[in-house]
Amino acid sequence: MSVNVTPHLNFRGQARAALEFYQTVFGGSLATITYADAHNVTAPDEADQIMWGQVESDAGVRIMAYDVPGHTAYEPGIIPLFVSVRGTDADEITAYWNKLADGATVLAPLAPAQWAPLYGMLTDRFGVTWVLDVQAEWDAA
């Protein structure tokens, strides 16, 4: 089993530029999935924006980012990041979810998603927004 906690930064149309910059800082690989790639376009002008992106360095630095879609409220500085907990074991992720959910506001219930075997988002009782998911291999084909 393996679990990683990763900063997940939120942008409005700047996620690709930010991730490309962080790659120049930390090195490593850059992976992105656009809203079009994921067949999750809600506004045509946002199709090429980042739904999921990550820089992962050889040294273990990992930063995730996405572009908040236009139909979702976005106030920079209000929810500037998520804490992302990603693992390979559904039972382990579910156990973390159940504990974090105590007194939390669930924004997306922990459930299968188009891009992950399990995905959920909540804001805990301290105001921290968490994204938990079970890692899936991405096939862009």
N, C-alpha and C. Protein backbone atom coordinates (compact mmCIF):
# COMPACT_ATOMS: atom_id res chain seq x y z
N MET A 1 0.84 -1.18 0.00
CA MET A 1 0.00 0.00 0.00
C MET A 1 0.88 1.24 0.00
N SER A 2 0.35 2.28 -0.64
CA SER A 2 1.08 3.53 -0.72
C SER A 2 0.08 4.67 -0.73
N VAL A 3 0.34 5.68 0.08
CA VAL A 3 -0.50 6.88 0.12
C VAL A 3 0.42 8.09 0.04
N ASN A 4 0.02 9.07 -0.76
CA ASN A 4 0.76 10.32 -0.89
C ASN A 4 -0.16 11.48 -0.59
N VAL A 5 0.36 12.47 0.12
CA VAL A 5 -0.37 13.71 0.35
C VAL A 5 0.30 14.77 -0.51
N THR A 6 -0.52 15.45 -1.32
CA THR A 6 0.01 16.34 -2.35
C THR A 6 -0.74 17.66 -2.35
N PRO A 7 -0.04 18.80 -2.44
CA PRO A 7 -0.76 20.07 -2.63
C PRO A 7 -1.47 20.05 -3.99
N HIS A 8 -2.70 20.48 -3.99
CA HIS A 8 -3.53 20.50 -5.21
C HIS A 8 -3.96 21.94 -5.40
N LEU A 9 -3.33 22.63 -6.34
CA LEU A 9 -3.55 24.07 -6.53
C LEU A 9 -4.69 24.32 -7.50
N ASN A 10 -5.45 25.37 -7.23
CA ASN A 10 -6.62 25.71 -8.03
C ASN A 10 -6.39 27.01 -8.79
N PHE A 11 -6.69 26.98 -10.09
CA PHE A 11 -6.49 28.14 -10.95
C PHE A 11 -7.74 28.35 -11.81
N ARG A 12 -7.76 29.46 -12.50
CA ARG A 12 -8.81 29.72 -13.49
C ARG A 12 -8.08 30.01 -14.79
N GLY A 13 -7.80 28.96 -15.57
CA GLY A 13 -7.17 29.11 -16.87
C GLY A 13 -5.66 29.20 -16.85
N GLN A 14 -5.03 29.04 -15.71
CA GLN A 14 -3.58 29.16 -15.63
C GLN A 14 -2.89 27.89 -15.14
N ALA A 15 -3.60 26.81 -14.99
CA ALA A 15 -3.01 25.59 -14.43
C ALA A 15 -1.87 25.06 -15.30
N ARG A 16 -2.05 25.04 -16.62
CA ARG A 16 -0.99 24.52 -17.49
C ARG A 16 0.29 25.34 -17.33
N ALA A 17 0.17 26.67 -17.37
CA ALA A 17 1.34 27.54 -17.23
C ALA A 17 2.01 27.33 -15.87
N ALA A 18 1.20 27.21 -14.83
CA ALA A 18 1.76 27.02 -13.50
C ALA A 18 2.50 25.68 -13.41
N LEU A 19 1.89 24.62 -13.91
CA LEU A 19 2.54 23.31 -13.85
C LEU A 19 3.82 23.28 -14.69
N GLU A 20 3.78 23.91 -15.86
CA GLU A 20 4.99 23.97 -16.68
C GLU A 20 6.10 24.72 -15.95
N PHE A 21 5.73 25.79 -15.25
CA PHE A 21 6.71 26.53 -14.46
C PHE A 21 7.28 25.65 -13.34
N TYR A 22 6.40 24.95 -12.59
CA TYR A 22 6.86 24.11 -11.49
C TYR A 22 7.76 22.99 -12.01
N GLN A 23 7.50 22.51 -13.23
CA GLN A 23 8.37 21.49 -13.80
C GLN A 23 9.77 22.06 -14.04
N THR A 24 9.85 23.33 -14.47
CA THR A 24 11.18 23.92 -14.66
C THR A 24 11.90 24.11 -13.32
N VAL A 25 11.14 24.28 -12.26
CA VAL A 25 11.72 24.47 -10.93
C VAL A 25 12.20 23.14 -10.35
N PHE A 26 11.32 22.12 -10.39
CA PHE A 26 11.59 20.86 -9.70
C PHE A 26 12.05 19.74 -10.61
N GLY A 27 11.92 19.93 -11.95
CA GLY A 27 12.25 18.85 -12.88
C GLY A 27 11.17 17.79 -12.87
N GLY A 28 11.50 16.63 -13.42
CA GLY A 28 10.57 15.52 -13.40
C GLY A 28 9.60 15.53 -14.57
N SER A 29 8.50 14.82 -14.38
CA SER A 29 7.53 14.64 -15.46
C SER A 29 6.30 15.49 -15.22
N LEU A 30 5.68 15.86 -16.32
CA LEU A 30 4.44 16.63 -16.31
C LEU A 30 3.37 15.79 -16.98
N ALA A 31 2.26 15.62 -16.31
CA ALA A 31 1.12 14.90 -16.89
C ALA A 31 -0.11 15.80 -16.78
N THR A 32 -0.87 15.91 -17.85
CA THR A 32 -2.09 16.71 -17.83
C THR A 32 -3.22 15.99 -18.55
N ILE A 33 -4.42 16.23 -18.07
CA ILE A 33 -5.63 15.76 -18.70
C ILE A 33 -6.55 16.96 -18.82
N THR A 34 -6.94 17.28 -20.03
CA THR A 34 -7.84 18.42 -20.23
C THR A 34 -9.29 17.97 -20.02
N TYR A 35 -10.17 18.94 -19.93
CA TYR A 35 -11.59 18.61 -19.84
C TYR A 35 -12.02 17.84 -21.09
N ALA A 36 -11.45 18.19 -22.26
CA ALA A 36 -11.77 17.47 -23.50
C ALA A 36 -11.28 16.03 -23.43
N ASP A 37 -10.05 15.83 -22.93
CA ASP A 37 -9.51 14.48 -22.79
C ASP A 37 -10.43 13.60 -21.96
N ALA A 38 -10.99 14.17 -20.90
CA ALA A 38 -11.83 13.42 -19.97
C ALA A 38 -13.30 13.38 -20.39
N HIS A 39 -13.61 13.98 -21.54
CA HIS A 39 -15.00 14.04 -22.02
C HIS A 39 -15.90 14.68 -20.96
N ASN A 40 -15.41 15.78 -20.39
CA ASN A 40 -16.13 16.46 -19.31
C ASN A 40 -16.20 17.97 -19.57
N VAL A 41 -16.39 18.34 -20.83
CA VAL A 41 -16.45 19.76 -21.20
C VAL A 41 -17.82 20.32 -20.86
N THR A 42 -17.83 21.40 -20.08
CA THR A 42 -19.09 22.08 -19.77
C THR A 42 -19.19 23.42 -20.47
N ALA A 43 -18.06 23.94 -20.96
CA ALA A 43 -18.03 25.18 -21.73
C ALA A 43 -16.98 25.01 -22.82
N PRO A 44 -17.34 25.18 -24.09
CA PRO A 44 -16.40 24.94 -25.18
C PRO A 44 -15.07 25.69 -25.04
N ASP A 45 -15.10 26.91 -24.52
CA ASP A 45 -13.86 27.68 -24.40
C ASP A 45 -12.95 27.17 -23.28
N GLU A 46 -13.42 26.20 -22.51
CA GLU A 46 -12.62 25.61 -21.44
C GLU A 46 -12.15 24.19 -21.76
N ALA A 47 -12.43 23.71 -22.95
CA ALA A 47 -12.14 22.32 -23.31
C ALA A 47 -10.67 21.97 -23.14
N ASP A 48 -9.77 22.89 -23.45
CA ASP A 48 -8.34 22.61 -23.37
C ASP A 48 -7.72 23.00 -22.02
N GLN A 49 -8.56 23.43 -21.09
CA GLN A 49 -8.05 23.73 -19.76
C GLN A 49 -7.80 22.42 -19.00
N ILE A 50 -7.06 22.50 -17.94
CA ILE A 50 -6.61 21.32 -17.20
C ILE A 50 -7.66 20.88 -16.18
N MET A 51 -8.14 19.64 -16.35
CA MET A 51 -9.03 19.04 -15.37
C MET A 51 -8.21 18.34 -14.28
N TRP A 52 -7.07 17.81 -14.68
CA TRP A 52 -6.14 17.18 -13.74
C TRP A 52 -4.74 17.34 -14.28
N GLY A 53 -3.83 17.78 -13.45
CA GLY A 53 -2.45 17.90 -13.86
C GLY A 53 -1.53 17.65 -12.69
N GLN A 54 -0.33 17.18 -13.02
CA GLN A 54 0.62 16.87 -11.96
C GLN A 54 2.05 16.98 -12.47
N VAL A 55 2.89 17.54 -11.62
CA VAL A 55 4.34 17.49 -11.81
C VAL A 55 4.86 16.56 -10.73
N GLU A 56 5.70 15.61 -11.14
CA GLU A 56 6.32 14.71 -10.17
C GLU A 56 7.81 14.64 -10.48
N SER A 57 8.61 15.04 -9.49
CA SER A 57 10.05 15.07 -9.71
C SER A 57 10.68 13.75 -9.29
N ASP A 58 11.88 13.52 -9.78
CA ASP A 58 12.63 12.31 -9.39
C ASP A 58 12.94 12.31 -7.90
N ALA A 59 12.97 13.49 -7.30
CA ALA A 59 13.25 13.62 -5.87
C ALA A 59 12.01 13.39 -5.01
N GLY A 60 10.83 13.23 -5.64
CA GLY A 60 9.61 12.97 -4.89
C GLY A 60 8.71 14.17 -4.69
N VAL A 61 9.07 15.33 -5.23
CA VAL A 61 8.19 16.49 -5.15
C VAL A 61 7.01 16.26 -6.08
N ARG A 62 5.81 16.46 -5.57
CA ARG A 62 4.61 16.26 -6.37
C ARG A 62 3.68 17.45 -6.13
N ILE A 63 3.23 18.06 -7.22
CA ILE A 63 2.28 19.17 -7.15
C ILE A 63 1.19 18.88 -8.17
N MET A 64 -0.07 18.99 -7.73
CA MET A 64 -1.21 18.80 -8.63
C MET A 64 -1.89 20.16 -8.83
N ALA A 65 -2.59 20.29 -9.95
CA ALA A 65 -3.31 21.54 -10.21
C ALA A 65 -4.44 21.28 -11.19
N TYR A 66 -5.43 22.17 -11.16
CA TYR A 66 -6.49 22.14 -12.17
C TYR A 66 -7.05 23.53 -12.36
N ASP A 67 -7.81 23.67 -13.46
CA ASP A 67 -8.52 24.91 -13.75
C ASP A 67 -9.96 24.76 -13.27
N VAL A 68 -10.35 25.61 -12.34
CA VAL A 68 -11.71 25.62 -11.84
C VAL A 68 -12.62 26.01 -13.00
N PRO A 69 -13.62 25.20 -13.33
CA PRO A 69 -14.49 25.54 -14.46
C PRO A 69 -15.33 26.78 -14.17
N GLY A 70 -15.72 27.46 -15.24
CA GLY A 70 -16.46 28.71 -15.14
C GLY A 70 -17.76 28.62 -14.38
N HIS A 71 -18.40 27.45 -14.37
CA HIS A 71 -19.68 27.31 -13.67
C HIS A 71 -19.51 27.12 -12.16
N THR A 72 -18.25 27.08 -11.70
CA THR A 72 -17.95 26.89 -10.28
C THR A 72 -17.34 28.17 -9.73
N ALA A 73 -17.80 28.58 -8.57
CA ALA A 73 -17.27 29.79 -7.95
C ALA A 73 -15.77 29.65 -7.72
N TYR A 74 -15.04 30.72 -7.96
CA TYR A 74 -13.60 30.72 -7.75
C TYR A 74 -13.19 32.09 -7.26
N GLU A 75 -12.67 32.12 -6.05
CA GLU A 75 -12.16 33.35 -5.48
C GLU A 75 -10.74 33.08 -5.01
N PRO A 76 -9.74 33.52 -5.79
CA PRO A 76 -8.35 33.25 -5.39
C PRO A 76 -8.12 33.67 -3.94
N GLY A 77 -7.49 32.79 -3.21
CA GLY A 77 -7.23 33.05 -1.81
C GLY A 77 -8.29 32.49 -0.88
N ILE A 78 -9.49 32.21 -1.39
CA ILE A 78 -10.55 31.64 -0.56
C ILE A 78 -10.35 30.13 -0.45
N ILE A 79 -10.23 29.45 -1.56
CA ILE A 79 -9.87 28.03 -1.57
C ILE A 79 -8.73 27.89 -2.56
N PRO A 80 -7.52 28.35 -2.19
CA PRO A 80 -6.42 28.34 -3.14
C PRO A 80 -5.84 26.96 -3.38
N LEU A 81 -6.15 26.01 -2.50
CA LEU A 81 -5.61 24.67 -2.72
C LEU A 81 -6.48 23.64 -2.05
N PHE A 82 -6.31 22.40 -2.50
CA PHE A 82 -6.88 21.23 -1.84
C PHE A 82 -5.70 20.45 -1.28
N VAL A 83 -5.94 19.65 -0.27
CA VAL A 83 -4.98 18.65 0.13
C VAL A 83 -5.46 17.36 -0.51
N SER A 84 -4.62 16.80 -1.36
CA SER A 84 -4.99 15.60 -2.10
C SER A 84 -4.35 14.38 -1.46
N VAL A 85 -5.18 13.41 -1.09
CA VAL A 85 -4.70 12.15 -0.53
C VAL A 85 -5.04 11.08 -1.55
N ARG A 86 -4.00 10.54 -2.18
CA ARG A 86 -4.18 9.56 -3.24
C ARG A 86 -3.49 8.27 -2.82
N GLY A 87 -4.17 7.18 -2.97
CA GLY A 87 -3.60 5.89 -2.61
C GLY A 87 -3.99 4.81 -3.59
N THR A 88 -3.50 3.62 -3.33
CA THR A 88 -3.77 2.49 -4.21
C THR A 88 -4.76 1.50 -3.60
N ASP A 89 -5.12 1.68 -2.34
CA ASP A 89 -5.98 0.75 -1.63
C ASP A 89 -7.30 1.44 -1.27
N ALA A 90 -8.38 0.95 -1.84
CA ALA A 90 -9.69 1.57 -1.62
C ALA A 90 -10.11 1.55 -0.16
N ASP A 91 -9.82 0.47 0.55
CA ASP A 91 -10.20 0.39 1.96
C ASP A 91 -9.47 1.44 2.79
N GLU A 92 -8.20 1.66 2.49
CA GLU A 92 -7.42 2.65 3.23
C GLU A 92 -7.95 4.06 2.96
N ILE A 93 -8.21 4.37 1.70
CA ILE A 93 -8.76 5.69 1.36
C ILE A 93 -10.13 5.88 1.99
N THR A 94 -10.96 4.85 1.97
CA THR A 94 -12.29 4.93 2.58
C THR A 94 -12.20 5.18 4.08
N ALA A 95 -11.24 4.54 4.75
CA ALA A 95 -11.07 4.75 6.19
C ALA A 95 -10.67 6.19 6.49
N TYR A 96 -9.76 6.76 5.69
CA TYR A 96 -9.40 8.16 5.86
C TYR A 96 -10.62 9.05 5.64
N TRP A 97 -11.36 8.76 4.57
CA TRP A 97 -12.55 9.54 4.24
C TRP A 97 -13.53 9.55 5.42
N ASN A 98 -13.81 8.37 5.96
CA ASN A 98 -14.79 8.26 7.04
C ASN A 98 -14.39 9.09 8.25
N LYS A 99 -13.10 9.15 8.54
CA LYS A 99 -12.64 9.94 9.68
C LYS A 99 -12.69 11.43 9.37
N LEU A 100 -12.24 11.82 8.18
CA LEU A 100 -12.28 13.24 7.81
C LEU A 100 -13.71 13.77 7.68
N ALA A 101 -14.65 12.91 7.33
CA ALA A 101 -16.03 13.32 7.09
C ALA A 101 -16.77 13.70 8.37
N ASP A 102 -16.23 13.33 9.53
CA ASP A 102 -16.87 13.66 10.79
C ASP A 102 -16.90 15.18 10.97
N GLY A 103 -18.08 15.77 10.92
CA GLY A 103 -18.24 17.21 11.06
C GLY A 103 -17.91 18.00 9.81
N ALA A 104 -17.71 17.31 8.68
CA ALA A 104 -17.31 17.97 7.43
C ALA A 104 -18.52 18.30 6.57
N THR A 105 -18.27 19.14 5.57
CA THR A 105 -19.24 19.40 4.50
C THR A 105 -18.76 18.62 3.29
N VAL A 106 -19.56 17.66 2.87
CA VAL A 106 -19.18 16.83 1.72
C VAL A 106 -19.53 17.59 0.45
N LEU A 107 -18.51 17.82 -0.38
CA LEU A 107 -18.70 18.53 -1.65
C LEU A 107 -18.94 17.55 -2.80
N ALA A 108 -18.33 16.39 -2.74
CA ALA A 108 -18.55 15.30 -3.71
C ALA A 108 -18.39 14.01 -2.92
N PRO A 109 -19.43 13.20 -2.81
CA PRO A 109 -19.35 11.97 -2.02
C PRO A 109 -18.26 11.04 -2.56
N LEU A 110 -17.67 10.27 -1.66
CA LEU A 110 -16.67 9.28 -2.07
C LEU A 110 -17.40 8.18 -2.84
N ALA A 111 -17.08 8.09 -4.13
CA ALA A 111 -17.78 7.15 -5.01
C ALA A 111 -16.93 6.95 -6.27
N PRO A 112 -17.25 5.92 -7.04
CA PRO A 112 -16.55 5.76 -8.32
C PRO A 112 -16.76 7.00 -9.19
N ALA A 113 -15.70 7.36 -9.91
CA ALA A 113 -15.76 8.50 -10.83
C ALA A 113 -15.24 8.05 -12.18
N GLN A 114 -15.50 8.85 -13.17
CA GLN A 114 -15.07 8.54 -14.53
C GLN A 114 -13.56 8.35 -14.61
N TRP A 115 -12.80 9.04 -13.77
CA TRP A 115 -11.35 9.04 -13.83
C TRP A 115 -10.67 8.27 -12.70
N ALA A 116 -11.45 7.73 -11.75
CA ALA A 116 -10.83 7.04 -10.62
C ALA A 116 -11.80 6.00 -10.04
N PRO A 117 -11.28 4.90 -9.51
CA PRO A 117 -12.16 3.91 -8.88
C PRO A 117 -12.95 4.49 -7.71
N LEU A 118 -12.35 5.45 -6.98
CA LEU A 118 -13.04 6.19 -5.92
C LEU A 118 -12.52 7.61 -5.93
N TYR A 119 -13.42 8.56 -5.73
CA TYR A 119 -13.06 9.98 -5.66
C TYR A 119 -14.08 10.66 -4.76
N GLY A 120 -13.60 11.56 -3.92
CA GLY A 120 -14.50 12.36 -3.10
C GLY A 120 -13.83 13.64 -2.67
N MET A 121 -14.63 14.65 -2.33
CA MET A 121 -14.12 15.94 -1.88
C MET A 121 -14.97 16.42 -0.71
N LEU A 122 -14.29 16.93 0.32
CA LEU A 122 -15.00 17.48 1.46
C LEU A 122 -14.20 18.63 2.06
N THR A 123 -14.90 19.48 2.79
CA THR A 123 -14.25 20.52 3.57
C THR A 123 -14.42 20.13 5.03
N ASP A 124 -13.31 19.91 5.71
CA ASP A 124 -13.39 19.42 7.09
C ASP A 124 -13.86 20.51 8.04
N ARG A 125 -14.05 20.14 9.27
CA ARG A 125 -14.60 21.06 10.26
C ARG A 125 -13.70 22.24 10.57
N PHE A 126 -12.44 22.19 10.05
CA PHE A 126 -11.50 23.28 10.24
C PHE A 126 -11.39 24.16 9.00
N GLY A 127 -12.19 23.85 7.94
CA GLY A 127 -12.18 24.66 6.74
C GLY A 127 -11.18 24.23 5.69
N VAL A 128 -10.52 23.08 5.89
CA VAL A 128 -9.56 22.56 4.92
C VAL A 128 -10.30 21.67 3.92
N THR A 129 -10.08 21.91 2.63
CA THR A 129 -10.72 21.11 1.59
C THR A 129 -9.79 19.97 1.20
N TRP A 130 -10.31 18.77 1.28
CA TRP A 130 -9.57 17.54 1.00
C TRP A 130 -10.16 16.85 -0.22
N VAL A 131 -9.28 16.30 -1.06
CA VAL A 131 -9.67 15.45 -2.18
C VAL A 131 -9.03 14.09 -1.90
N LEU A 132 -9.83 13.05 -1.86
CA LEU A 132 -9.32 11.70 -1.66
C LEU A 132 -9.68 10.87 -2.87
N ASP A 133 -8.72 10.08 -3.35
CA ASP A 133 -9.04 9.20 -4.47
C ASP A 133 -8.11 8.00 -4.51
N VAL A 134 -8.61 7.00 -5.22
CA VAL A 134 -7.83 5.80 -5.49
C VAL A 134 -7.22 5.99 -6.87
N GLN A 135 -5.93 5.86 -6.92
CA GLN A 135 -5.18 6.10 -8.17
C GLN A 135 -5.57 5.09 -9.22
N ALA A 136 -5.72 5.59 -10.45
CA ALA A 136 -6.02 4.75 -11.60
C ALA A 136 -5.01 5.06 -12.68
N GLU A 137 -4.67 4.07 -13.46
CA GLU A 137 -3.81 4.30 -14.61
C GLU A 137 -4.63 5.03 -15.66
N TRP A 138 -4.06 6.04 -16.28
CA TRP A 138 -4.76 6.82 -17.29
C TRP A 138 -4.37 6.33 -18.66
N ASP A 139 -5.36 6.03 -19.47
CA ASP A 139 -5.14 5.64 -20.86
C ASP A 139 -5.74 6.73 -21.73
N ALA A 140 -4.91 7.57 -22.30
CA ALA A 140 -5.40 8.71 -23.08
C ALA A 140 -5.95 8.30 -24.44
N ALA A 141 -5.87 7.03 -24.78
CA ALA A 141 -6.35 6.57 -26.09
C ALA A 141 -7.86 6.62 -26.19
